[in-house]
N, C-alpha and C. Protein backbone atom coordinates (compact mmCIF):
# COMPACT_ATOMS: atom_id res chain seq x y z
N MET A 1 -22.68 37.87 45.69
CA MET A 1 -23.07 36.91 44.68
C MET A 1 -24.56 36.61 44.88
N ALA A 2 -25.28 36.52 43.75
CA ALA A 2 -26.70 36.18 43.79
C ALA A 2 -27.02 35.30 42.60
N VAL A 3 -28.04 34.45 42.76
CA VAL A 3 -28.47 33.58 41.66
C VAL A 3 -29.99 33.66 41.55
N LEU A 4 -30.47 33.62 40.31
CA LEU A 4 -31.90 33.63 40.05
C LEU A 4 -32.19 32.53 39.04
N SER A 5 -33.02 31.58 39.42
CA SER A 5 -33.45 30.54 38.50
C SER A 5 -34.80 30.96 37.93
N VAL A 6 -34.81 31.35 36.66
CA VAL A 6 -36.01 31.87 36.02
C VAL A 6 -36.97 30.73 35.71
N ARG A 7 -36.45 29.67 35.17
CA ARG A 7 -37.17 28.41 34.94
C ARG A 7 -36.11 27.34 34.83
N ALA A 8 -36.50 26.12 34.62
CA ALA A 8 -35.54 25.02 34.67
C ALA A 8 -34.33 25.23 33.76
N ALA A 9 -34.50 25.93 32.65
CA ALA A 9 -33.41 26.05 31.68
C ALA A 9 -32.74 27.42 31.65
N ILE A 10 -33.17 28.35 32.48
CA ILE A 10 -32.63 29.71 32.46
C ILE A 10 -32.16 30.10 33.85
N THR A 11 -30.88 30.43 33.97
CA THR A 11 -30.31 30.83 35.25
C THR A 11 -29.51 32.11 35.07
N VAL A 12 -29.59 33.00 36.05
CA VAL A 12 -28.83 34.25 36.03
C VAL A 12 -27.99 34.33 37.29
N TRP A 13 -26.69 34.57 37.11
CA TRP A 13 -25.77 34.76 38.24
C TRP A 13 -25.30 36.21 38.21
N VAL A 14 -25.20 36.82 39.38
CA VAL A 14 -24.61 38.15 39.50
C VAL A 14 -23.42 38.04 40.44
N ARG A 15 -22.26 38.38 39.92
CA ARG A 15 -21.02 38.32 40.71
C ARG A 15 -20.23 39.59 40.44
N SER A 16 -19.84 40.28 41.47
CA SER A 16 -19.07 41.52 41.36
C SER A 16 -19.74 42.46 40.37
N SER A 17 -19.11 42.70 39.22
CA SER A 17 -19.66 43.63 38.24
C SER A 17 -20.09 42.91 36.97
N THR A 18 -20.43 41.61 37.08
CA THR A 18 -20.79 40.81 35.92
C THR A 18 -22.10 40.07 36.14
N ILE A 19 -22.93 40.04 35.09
CA ILE A 19 -24.14 39.23 35.09
C ILE A 19 -23.93 38.11 34.09
N SER A 20 -24.12 36.87 34.52
CA SER A 20 -23.98 35.71 33.63
C SER A 20 -25.37 35.13 33.38
N LEU A 21 -25.75 35.05 32.11
CA LEU A 21 -27.02 34.47 31.71
C LEU A 21 -26.72 33.11 31.10
N ILE A 22 -27.31 32.06 31.68
CA ILE A 22 -27.05 30.70 31.23
C ILE A 22 -28.35 30.13 30.67
N THR A 23 -28.33 29.80 29.36
CA THR A 23 -29.50 29.23 28.69
C THR A 23 -29.07 28.07 27.82
N PRO A 24 -29.99 27.18 27.48
CA PRO A 24 -29.61 26.05 26.61
C PRO A 24 -29.31 26.49 25.18
N LEU A 25 -29.82 27.64 24.77
CA LEU A 25 -29.62 28.11 23.39
C LEU A 25 -28.28 28.78 23.18
N THR A 26 -27.78 29.50 24.19
CA THR A 26 -26.53 30.26 24.02
C THR A 26 -25.42 29.83 24.96
N GLY A 27 -25.71 28.97 25.91
CA GLY A 27 -24.71 28.63 26.92
C GLY A 27 -24.58 29.80 27.89
N THR A 28 -23.38 30.07 28.34
CA THR A 28 -23.15 31.17 29.28
C THR A 28 -22.71 32.41 28.53
N VAL A 29 -23.44 33.50 28.75
CA VAL A 29 -23.09 34.79 28.16
C VAL A 29 -22.92 35.77 29.32
N ARG A 30 -21.79 36.47 29.33
CA ARG A 30 -21.50 37.41 30.41
C ARG A 30 -21.75 38.84 29.94
N TYR A 31 -22.36 39.64 30.81
CA TYR A 31 -22.67 41.03 30.53
C TYR A 31 -22.13 41.91 31.64
N PRO A 32 -21.75 43.14 31.32
CA PRO A 32 -21.43 44.08 32.39
C PRO A 32 -22.69 44.38 33.20
N LEU A 33 -22.54 44.73 34.44
CA LEU A 33 -23.66 44.98 35.33
C LEU A 33 -24.60 46.07 34.81
N VAL A 34 -24.09 47.00 34.03
CA VAL A 34 -24.92 48.10 33.52
C VAL A 34 -25.82 47.67 32.36
N ASP A 35 -25.64 46.46 31.82
CA ASP A 35 -26.43 45.98 30.68
C ASP A 35 -27.62 45.11 31.12
N VAL A 36 -28.31 45.52 32.15
CA VAL A 36 -29.44 44.75 32.68
C VAL A 36 -30.52 44.58 31.62
N ALA A 37 -30.77 45.60 30.81
CA ALA A 37 -31.80 45.52 29.77
C ALA A 37 -31.48 44.41 28.78
N ASP A 38 -30.21 44.27 28.40
CA ASP A 38 -29.81 43.20 27.48
C ASP A 38 -30.03 41.82 28.10
N VAL A 39 -29.77 41.70 29.38
CA VAL A 39 -29.99 40.43 30.08
C VAL A 39 -31.47 40.07 30.08
N VAL A 40 -32.32 41.05 30.38
CA VAL A 40 -33.76 40.81 30.40
C VAL A 40 -34.26 40.42 29.01
N GLU A 41 -33.77 41.08 27.97
CA GLU A 41 -34.15 40.72 26.61
C GLU A 41 -33.74 39.29 26.29
N GLY A 42 -32.56 38.88 26.74
CA GLY A 42 -32.11 37.51 26.53
C GLY A 42 -32.99 36.50 27.25
N ILE A 43 -33.42 36.84 28.46
CA ILE A 43 -34.31 35.95 29.23
C ILE A 43 -35.65 35.81 28.52
N VAL A 44 -36.22 36.92 28.09
CA VAL A 44 -37.52 36.88 27.41
C VAL A 44 -37.43 36.11 26.11
N ARG A 45 -36.38 36.35 25.32
CA ARG A 45 -36.19 35.66 24.05
C ARG A 45 -36.08 34.14 24.25
N CYS A 46 -35.27 33.74 25.20
CA CYS A 46 -35.08 32.30 25.46
C CYS A 46 -36.38 31.69 25.98
N ASN A 47 -37.08 32.38 26.86
CA ASN A 47 -38.33 31.88 27.40
C ASN A 47 -39.34 31.66 26.28
N GLU A 48 -39.44 32.61 25.35
CA GLU A 48 -40.35 32.47 24.22
C GLU A 48 -39.95 31.30 23.33
N ASP A 49 -38.65 31.14 23.08
CA ASP A 49 -38.18 30.02 22.26
C ASP A 49 -38.47 28.68 22.91
N LEU A 50 -38.29 28.59 24.23
CA LEU A 50 -38.57 27.35 24.92
C LEU A 50 -40.07 27.03 24.92
N ASP A 51 -40.90 28.06 25.03
CA ASP A 51 -42.36 27.86 24.99
C ASP A 51 -42.85 27.42 23.61
N ALA A 52 -42.11 27.77 22.57
CA ALA A 52 -42.51 27.44 21.20
C ALA A 52 -42.31 25.96 20.89
N CYS A 53 -41.48 25.29 21.67
CA CYS A 53 -41.18 23.88 21.40
C CYS A 53 -42.29 22.96 21.85
């Protein structure tokens, strides 16, 4: 198990074969471990949205 706090509102958990992306815009979204690119896109999108406020 690993956790990464990207910024105050974005957290990523990795457990077994699942990546959980937690953001204020989408809540918790789970991805298979092979979908790392989708997780990164979600982080970038949320970060840009939070910066726009």
